[in-house]
Protein backbone atom coordinates (compact mmCIF):
# COMPACT_ATOMS: atom_id res chain seq x y z
CA UNK A 1 38.75 103.90 105.01
CA UNK A 2 39.39 100.37 106.19
CA UNK A 3 37.79 101.13 109.60
CA UNK A 4 34.70 102.51 107.88
CA UNK A 5 34.42 99.33 105.80
CA UNK A 6 34.56 97.07 108.87
CA UNK A 7 32.04 99.21 110.80
CA UNK A 8 29.62 99.03 107.86
CA UNK A 9 30.14 95.28 107.61
CA UNK A 10 29.50 94.85 111.36
CA UNK A 11 26.27 96.84 111.25
CA UNK A 12 25.12 94.96 108.15
CA UNK A 13 25.73 91.63 109.86
CA UNK A 14 23.80 92.79 112.96
CA UNK A 15 20.84 93.85 110.84
CA UNK A 16 20.87 90.57 108.93
CA UNK A 17 21.03 88.55 112.15
CA UNK A 18 18.08 90.53 113.66
CA UNK A 19 15.95 89.97 110.57
CA UNK A 20 16.86 86.29 110.49
CA UNK A 21 15.88 85.70 114.14
CA UNK A 22 12.71 87.78 113.86
CA UNK A 23 11.22 85.92 110.93
CA UNK A 24 12.64 82.49 111.76
CA UNK A 25 9.84 80.30 113.27
CA UNK A 26 11.68 76.95 112.99
CA UNK A 27 12.14 74.49 115.84
CA UNK A 28 14.76 71.86 116.68
CA UNK A 29 13.62 68.62 118.33
CA UNK A 30 16.11 66.30 120.08
CA UNK A 31 15.05 62.74 120.91
CA UNK A 32 16.87 60.75 123.60
CA UNK A 33 14.33 58.07 124.67
CA UNK A 34 12.45 58.39 126.87
CA UNK A 35 13.27 62.13 126.68
CA UNK A 36 12.21 64.65 124.07
CA UNK A 37 13.67 68.18 123.96
CA UNK A 38 12.20 70.86 121.69
CA UNK A 39 14.10 74.14 121.10
CA UNK A 40 13.71 77.04 118.77
CA UNK A 41 16.28 77.16 115.99
CA UNK A 42 17.60 80.51 117.22
CA UNK A 43 18.32 79.12 120.71
CA UNK A 44 19.90 75.99 119.25
CA UNK A 45 22.28 78.10 117.13
CA UNK A 46 23.17 80.27 120.14
CA UNK A 47 23.90 77.15 122.23
CA UNK A 48 26.10 75.71 119.48
CA UNK A 49 28.13 78.95 119.33
CA UNK A 50 28.50 78.94 123.09
CA UNK A 51 29.72 75.33 123.13
CA UNK A 52 32.20 76.08 120.32
CA UNK A 53 33.59 79.09 122.21
CA UNK A 54 33.97 77.11 125.46
CA UNK A 55 35.73 74.22 123.73
CA UNK A 56 38.04 76.58 121.81
CA UNK A 57 38.95 78.34 125.07
CA UNK A 58 39.71 75.06 126.82
CA UNK A 59 41.88 73.76 123.98
CA UNK A 60 43.79 77.06 123.72
CA UNK A 61 44.48 77.08 127.46
CA UNK A 62 45.74 73.49 127.30
CA UNK A 63 48.00 74.31 124.38
CA UNK A 64 49.49 77.35 126.11
CA UNK A 65 50.09 75.37 129.28
CA UNK A 66 51.90 72.65 127.35
CA UNK A 67 54.15 75.23 125.60
CA UNK A 68 55.09 77.13 128.77
CA UNK A 69 58.39 75.21 129.43
CA UNK A 70 59.57 75.78 125.85
CA UNK A 71 58.61 79.45 125.95
CA UNK A 72 60.35 79.91 129.29
CA UNK A 73 63.52 78.34 127.87
CA UNK A 74 63.29 80.55 124.76
CA UNK A 75 62.84 83.61 126.95
CA UNK A 76 65.89 82.74 129.02
CA UNK A 77 67.90 82.16 125.82
CA UNK A 78 66.80 85.52 124.39
CA UNK A 79 67.71 87.23 127.64
CA UNK A 80 71.15 85.58 127.68
CA UNK A 81 71.70 86.49 124.01
CA UNK A 82 70.64 90.09 124.62
CA UNK A 83 72.98 90.35 127.61
CA UNK A 84 75.87 88.84 125.65
CA UNK A 85 75.32 91.24 122.75
CA UNK A 86 75.27 94.19 125.15
CA UNK A 87 78.50 92.91 126.73
CA UNK A 88 80.11 92.61 123.29
CA UNK A 89 79.18 96.20 122.45
CA UNK A 90 80.55 97.31 125.81
CA UNK A 91 83.81 95.40 125.19
CA UNK A 92 84.30 97.09 121.80
CA UNK A 93 83.56 100.55 123.19
CA UNK A 94 85.94 100.04 126.14
CA UNK A 95 88.67 98.76 123.83
CA UNK A 96 88.42 101.87 121.66
CA UNK A 97 88.25 104.08 124.76
CA UNK A 98 91.45 102.59 126.18
CA UNK A 99 89.76 100.92 129.15
CA UNK A 100 91.37 97.57 128.49
CA UNK A 101 90.61 95.82 131.80
CA UNK A 102 86.92 96.61 131.41
CA UNK A 103 87.05 95.49 127.79
CA UNK A 104 88.48 92.13 128.81
CA UNK A 105 85.83 91.61 131.50
CA UNK A 106 83.06 92.50 129.07
CA UNK A 107 84.53 90.10 126.50
CA UNK A 108 84.25 87.26 129.03
CA UNK A 109 80.62 88.16 129.64
CA UNK A 110 79.98 88.29 125.90
CA UNK A 111 81.08 84.66 125.60
CA UNK A 112 77.84 83.61 127.36
CA UNK A 113 76.33 83.36 123.86
CA UNK A 114 78.28 80.66 121.98
CA UNK A 115 77.64 82.20 118.56
CA UNK A 116 79.81 85.21 119.41
CA UNK A 117 82.22 83.60 121.89
CA UNK A 118 85.15 83.52 119.43
CA UNK A 119 84.54 87.08 118.27
CA UNK A 120 84.65 88.14 121.91
CA UNK A 121 87.91 86.19 122.28
CA UNK A 122 89.52 88.33 119.56
CA UNK A 123 88.53 91.47 121.45
CA UNK A 124 89.78 90.00 124.72
CA UNK A 125 93.13 89.17 123.09
CA UNK A 126 93.59 92.75 121.92
CA UNK A 127 92.69 94.10 125.36
CA UNK A 128 95.13 91.74 127.09
CA UNK A 129 97.86 92.69 124.60
CA UNK A 130 97.38 96.38 125.35
CA UNK A 131 97.97 95.58 129.01
CA UNK A 132 101.16 93.68 127.99
CA UNK A 133 99.72 90.37 129.17
CA UNK A 134 101.14 88.14 126.44
CA UNK A 135 100.21 84.85 128.12
CA UNK A 136 96.61 85.91 128.55
CA UNK A 137 96.58 87.19 124.99
CA UNK A 138 97.71 83.80 123.69
CA UNK A 139 95.06 82.02 125.78
CA UNK A 140 92.39 84.21 124.27
CA UNK A 141 93.69 83.44 120.78
CA UNK A 142 93.65 79.69 121.46
CA UNK A 143 89.87 79.92 121.86
CA UNK A 144 89.47 81.01 118.23
CA UNK A 145 89.20 77.65 116.45
CA UNK A 146 86.43 78.25 113.91
CA UNK A 147 87.82 77.91 110.33
CA UNK A 148 85.68 80.88 109.27
CA UNK A 149 87.51 83.04 111.82
CA UNK A 150 90.99 81.70 111.07
CA UNK A 151 91.90 84.66 108.86
CA UNK A 152 90.79 87.16 111.51
CA UNK A 153 92.85 85.29 114.10
CA UNK A 154 95.99 85.24 111.96
CA UNK A 155 95.77 88.89 110.93
CA UNK A 156 95.15 89.97 114.52
CA UNK A 157 97.98 87.82 115.83
CA UNK A 158 100.43 89.13 113.25
CA UNK A 159 99.54 92.72 114.09
CA UNK A 160 99.88 92.13 117.83
CA UNK A 161 103.24 90.36 117.41
CA UNK A 162 104.64 93.22 115.34
CA UNK A 163 103.43 95.66 117.97
CA UNK A 164 105.26 93.55 120.59
CA UNK A 165 108.49 93.70 118.50
CA UNK A 166 108.30 89.97 117.71
CA UNK A 167 108.92 90.49 114.00
CA UNK A 168 109.94 86.90 113.27
CA UNK A 169 106.78 85.53 114.88
CA UNK A 170 104.71 88.03 112.91
CA UNK A 171 106.29 86.93 109.62
CA UNK A 172 105.66 83.27 110.45
CA UNK A 173 102.01 84.11 111.08
CA UNK A 174 101.82 86.08 107.83
CA UNK A 175 103.32 83.09 105.99
CA UNK A 176 100.48 80.92 107.31
CA UNK A 177 97.99 83.53 106.19
CA UNK A 178 99.48 83.83 102.72
CA UNK A 179 99.52 80.06 102.36
CA UNK A 180 95.73 80.29 102.63
CA UNK A 181 95.62 82.94 99.92
CA UNK A 182 95.54 86.09 102.08
CA UNK A 183 97.02 89.09 100.22
CA UNK A 184 95.28 92.04 101.85
CA UNK A 185 96.82 95.50 101.91
CA UNK A 186 96.66 95.52 105.71
CA UNK A 187 98.71 92.31 105.84
CA UNK A 188 101.33 93.91 103.60
CA UNK A 189 101.50 96.88 105.96
CA UNK A 190 102.10 94.52 108.88
CA UNK A 191 104.78 92.68 106.90
CA UNK A 192 106.42 96.01 106.06
CA UNK A 193 106.70 96.87 109.76
CA UNK A 194 108.09 93.41 110.56
CA UNK A 195 110.77 93.59 107.86
CA UNK A 196 111.64 97.10 109.01
CA UNK A 197 112.25 95.80 112.55
CA UNK A 198 114.45 93.00 111.15
CA UNK A 199 116.25 95.40 108.77
CA UNK A 200 115.33 93.29 105.74
CA UNK A 201 115.76 96.32 103.52
CA UNK A 202 115.16 94.57 100.20
CA UNK A 203 111.71 93.50 101.41
CA UNK A 204 111.06 96.93 102.90
CA UNK A 205 111.82 98.50 99.51
CA UNK A 206 109.62 96.01 97.64
CA UNK A 207 106.65 96.40 99.97
CA UNK A 208 106.95 100.19 100.12
CA UNK A 209 106.86 100.33 96.31
CA UNK A 210 103.87 97.96 96.14
CA UNK A 211 101.88 99.84 98.77
CA UNK A 212 102.70 103.20 97.21
CA UNK A 213 101.32 102.03 93.84
CA UNK A 214 98.05 101.07 95.52
CA UNK A 215 97.85 104.38 97.43
CA UNK A 216 98.03 102.42 100.68
CA UNK A 217 100.89 104.53 102.09
CA UNK A 218 101.17 108.28 102.46
CA UNK A 219 103.60 109.53 99.78
CA UNK A 220 105.87 111.15 102.38
CA UNK A 221 106.04 107.95 104.44
CA UNK A 222 106.61 105.82 101.34
CA UNK A 223 109.47 108.08 100.26
CA UNK A 224 111.01 107.98 103.72
CA UNK A 225 110.89 104.17 103.86
CA UNK A 226 112.36 103.84 100.37
CA UNK A 227 115.14 106.25 101.27
CA UNK A 228 115.98 104.31 104.44
CA UNK A 229 116.03 101.02 102.52
CA UNK A 230 118.13 102.40 99.69
CA UNK A 231 120.61 104.06 102.06
CA UNK A 232 121.13 100.76 103.88
CA UNK A 233 121.42 98.72 100.68
CA UNK A 234 123.86 101.19 99.17
CA UNK A 235 125.99 101.01 102.30
CA UNK A 236 126.00 97.19 102.10
CA UNK A 237 127.44 97.42 98.56
CA UNK A 238 129.84 100.33 99.07
CA UNK A 239 132.91 98.10 98.66
CA UNK A 240 131.70 96.34 95.48
CA UNK A 241 131.47 98.56 92.40
CA UNK A 242 129.64 95.96 90.29
CA UNK A 243 127.05 95.20 92.96
CA UNK A 244 126.60 98.92 93.57
CA UNK A 245 126.05 99.54 89.85
CA UNK A 246 123.58 96.64 89.56
CA UNK A 247 121.53 97.90 92.48
CA UNK A 248 121.56 101.46 91.16
CA UNK A 249 120.04 100.25 87.88
CA UNK A 250 117.08 98.72 89.75
CA UNK A 251 116.02 102.09 91.17
CA UNK A 252 113.40 104.23 89.48
CA UNK A 253 114.17 107.72 88.18
CA UNK A 254 112.39 109.36 91.09
CA UNK A 255 114.30 107.25 93.60
CA UNK A 256 117.64 108.10 91.98
CA UNK A 257 116.88 111.80 92.20
CA UNK A 258 116.02 111.75 95.91
CA UNK A 259 118.68 113.62 97.86
CA UNK A 260 119.09 110.99 100.60
CA UNK A 261 119.67 108.31 97.96
CA UNK A 262 121.71 110.22 95.40
CA UNK A 263 124.13 111.75 97.93
CA UNK A 264 125.45 108.49 99.46
CA UNK A 265 125.42 106.80 96.06
CA UNK A 266 127.64 109.53 94.61
CA UNK A 267 129.93 109.27 97.63
CA UNK A 268 130.33 105.49 97.28
CA UNK A 269 130.87 105.63 93.50
CA UNK A 270 133.49 108.36 93.91
CA UNK A 271 135.28 106.37 96.64
CA UNK A 272 135.45 103.37 94.27
CA UNK A 273 137.00 105.50 91.50
CA UNK A 274 133.75 105.78 89.49
CA UNK A 275 133.80 109.56 89.26
CA UNK A 276 131.83 109.70 86.00
CA UNK A 277 128.94 107.76 87.52
CA UNK A 278 129.07 109.93 90.63
CA UNK A 279 128.98 113.09 88.51
CA UNK A 280 125.94 111.89 86.53
CA UNK A 281 124.12 111.00 89.73
CA UNK A 282 124.66 114.42 91.28
CA UNK A 283 123.82 116.36 88.12
CA UNK A 284 120.57 114.43 87.54
CA UNK A 285 119.52 114.84 91.15
CA UNK A 286 120.28 118.58 91.20
CA UNK A 287 117.99 119.10 88.21
CA UNK A 288 115.06 118.17 90.44
CA UNK A 289 116.27 118.82 94.02
CA UNK A 290 118.74 121.63 94.61
CA UNK A 291 120.36 120.64 97.90
CA UNK A 292 123.53 121.73 99.69
CA UNK A 293 124.59 118.13 100.37
CA UNK A 294 124.54 117.28 96.68
CA UNK A 295 126.31 120.51 95.76
CA UNK A 296 129.17 119.79 98.17
CA UNK A 297 129.34 116.16 97.03
CA UNK A 298 129.92 117.41 93.47
CA UNK A 299 133.47 118.40 94.41
CA UNK A 300 134.34 114.69 94.89
CA UNK A 301 133.12 113.75 91.41
CA UNK A 302 136.22 115.04 89.59
CA UNK A 303 138.98 112.65 88.59
CA UNK A 304 142.51 114.04 89.09
CA UNK A 305 143.29 116.51 86.31
CA UNK A 306 139.78 116.25 84.79
CA UNK A 307 137.86 118.86 86.75
CA UNK A 308 137.40 121.43 83.95
CA UNK A 309 134.00 120.08 82.74
CA UNK A 310 132.75 120.12 86.33
CA UNK A 311 134.01 123.69 86.79
CA UNK A 312 132.16 124.76 83.66
CA UNK A 313 128.96 123.10 84.89
CA UNK A 314 129.29 124.72 88.33
CA UNK A 315 129.71 128.13 86.70
CA UNK A 316 126.48 127.54 84.76
CA UNK A 317 124.71 126.79 88.03
CA UNK A 318 126.01 130.06 89.46
CA UNK A 319 123.85 131.93 86.96
CA UNK A 320 120.76 130.38 88.55
CA UNK A 321 122.11 130.46 92.13
CA UNK A 322 124.33 133.54 92.41
CA UNK A 323 124.28 133.64 96.24
CA UNK A 324 124.74 129.95 97.03
CA UNK A 325 127.64 129.63 99.48
CA UNK A 326 127.86 125.84 99.07
CA UNK A 327 128.19 126.18 95.30
CA UNK A 328 131.01 128.73 95.68
CA UNK A 329 132.79 126.40 98.09
CA UNK A 330 132.44 123.44 95.69
CA UNK A 331 133.70 125.52 92.78
CA UNK A 332 136.65 126.63 94.91
CA UNK A 333 137.54 123.00 95.72
CA UNK A 334 137.40 122.08 92.02
CA UNK A 335 139.58 125.04 91.09
CA UNK A 336 142.00 124.20 93.90
CA UNK A 337 142.36 120.68 92.49
CA UNK A 338 143.30 122.15 89.11
CA UNK A 339 145.69 124.64 90.79
CA UNK A 340 143.67 127.63 89.61
CA UNK A 341 144.80 129.60 92.66
CA UNK A 342 143.23 132.94 92.00
CA UNK A 343 139.88 131.50 90.98
CA UNK A 344 139.85 129.14 93.92
CA UNK A 345 140.64 132.01 96.34
CA UNK A 346 137.84 134.23 95.00
CA UNK A 347 135.30 131.40 95.24
CA UNK A 348 136.27 130.54 98.83
CA UNK A 349 136.02 134.19 99.80
CA UNK A 350 132.56 134.43 98.23
CA UNK A 351 131.56 131.28 100.10
CA UNK A 352 132.56 133.06 103.33
CA UNK A 353 130.60 136.12 102.27
CA UNK A 354 127.34 134.29 101.62
CA UNK A 355 127.63 131.75 104.45
CA UNK A 356 126.02 134.13 106.91
CA UNK A 357 123.54 131.89 108.72
CA UNK A 358 123.97 129.92 111.92
CA UNK A 359 123.50 126.67 110.01
CA UNK A 360 126.51 127.43 107.79
CA UNK A 361 129.17 127.70 110.50
CA UNK A 362 130.64 124.38 109.41
CA UNK A 363 130.89 125.64 105.84
CA UNK A 364 132.76 128.72 107.07
CA UNK A 365 135.19 126.50 108.99
CA UNK A 366 135.87 124.42 105.87
CA UNK A 367 136.26 127.55 103.72
CA UNK A 368 138.84 129.03 106.10
CA UNK A 369 140.71 125.70 106.14
CA UNK A 370 140.68 125.59 102.34
CA UNK A 371 142.01 129.13 102.13
CA UNK A 372 144.70 128.25 104.67
CA UNK A 373 145.83 125.33 102.53
CA UNK A 374 145.71 127.48 99.39
CA UNK A 375 147.88 130.21 100.91
CA UNK A 376 150.23 127.59 102.30
CA UNK A 377 150.64 126.10 98.81
CA UNK A 378 151.40 129.55 97.39
CA UNK A 379 153.89 130.43 100.15
CA UNK A 380 151.73 133.09 101.83
CA UNK A 381 152.22 131.75 105.30
CA UNK A 382 150.93 134.74 107.31
CA UNK A 383 147.60 134.70 105.50
CA UNK A 384 147.48 130.90 105.84
CA UNK A 385 147.98 131.15 109.60
CA UNK A 386 145.26 133.80 109.84
CA UNK A 387 142.71 131.54 108.14
CA UNK A 388 143.76 128.56 110.25
CA UNK A 389 143.16 130.65 113.36
CA UNK A 390 139.76 131.72 112.06
CA UNK A 391 138.74 128.14 111.41
CA UNK A 392 139.90 127.06 114.86
CA UNK A 393 137.96 129.85 116.53
CA UNK A 394 134.79 129.02 114.60
CA UNK A 395 135.16 125.31 115.36
CA UNK A 396 135.55 126.08 119.07
C-alpha cells in the first residue's frame, strides 16, 4: 500500500512538472555590465537544481573524507571488541569442557577489550586453579581490582581455596565477604566445606541446619553432615555428663531419633552411669527407626538389679518383631543380668536360631559366648565348653 502511494505521488509530480513547463512562458534576465544574459525560467530552475546537487555532492565528499580517520579507528575498535568477546565465549566453553590450558589462553585474548578484562581474569584464575597452578591463579586474581567485581573475586577465591584444601584461607576470605554484607547461600555452602575440613563441628552443625531450612542441601546430605557433627561433638563430651546433657538438649527431635546420633549418645550416657537417660534415648529412637545397633545398645541401659522394666519393654517389642535375632540377644543379656537363667538361655538360643544371615556371624559368636558364661555360672561346664568352642570356630 505504501509503495502504491509513492508511485502515485511520483506520477502526479511528473504530470504537474510537465504542465508547469509547458504553459510557463516566463524569462529570467541576468545583468552583469556590459553583459546581459536572458534565459527561460524553466532552464534557470534546472540550472539551479544542478548547481545545488553539485555543491551537495562536494560538501558530502569533503565531510566523509574528514571523518575517515575516526571511522577507521571505530572500525578497529569494533573489530577488537568483537574478537575479545569471541575469545571470552571460547574461554567459558573451554573451561566447562575441561580444556583448561585453552581456556587460559582464550582468557588472555579476551583481555584485549578493557571492559571485560577483569571478567576474563576470573575465568583465567579458575582455569589455572584446575591445572593446580596456584601462583598463576593468584596473579590472575590480582588483576581483579574493580569494586563492582570485588564480591565475585572473593566468592571465587573462597571456593578455589576450599577446593585446594586451604580451609583457613577460605574462611578468611569469607570473613572479608561477610564484612561487606555478603550472606549468599553459595557462600554458606563454601563455609560449610571449610569448617568440615577443619573439623569445626559446631559450625558444621549450625550451617547444615541453616542450609537445610532453606532447601539448599539435599536432605540425605544434610542428615549425614548433622550426624557426623553430632557424633564428633558427643565424643568430645563423653567424659562430662553435664556437658553431654546440655548438648543433647540442643538437638531437635528428629536429630535425637537418628540412629547414628542416638546410639553413641546412649552408649556415653550409660558409661557415665546415666542409664535412665540412655534408656529414654534408645526407646524414643526405636519408635521411629528400628535398628539392630539400637536394639543391642538397649542391653546397656539397665542399672544393676533394675532390668525388669527393660525386660518387659523388650517382650512388648517381640510381639511386633517375633523373628528379630538382635532383640532376642538383648533380652537374653537383660535376663542374664537379673539371673533369670532359664529365660536367658531360651532367648540366646532363639537368637542363634534367627541369626541365619552372613551379616549376623558376629551376633552368633556373642550368643555362643553368652551361653558359655551362663552354663559356667550354673555349673554346666561341658555345655559351656561346647559353646565356647562354637564361638571360637565362628570367630576364626
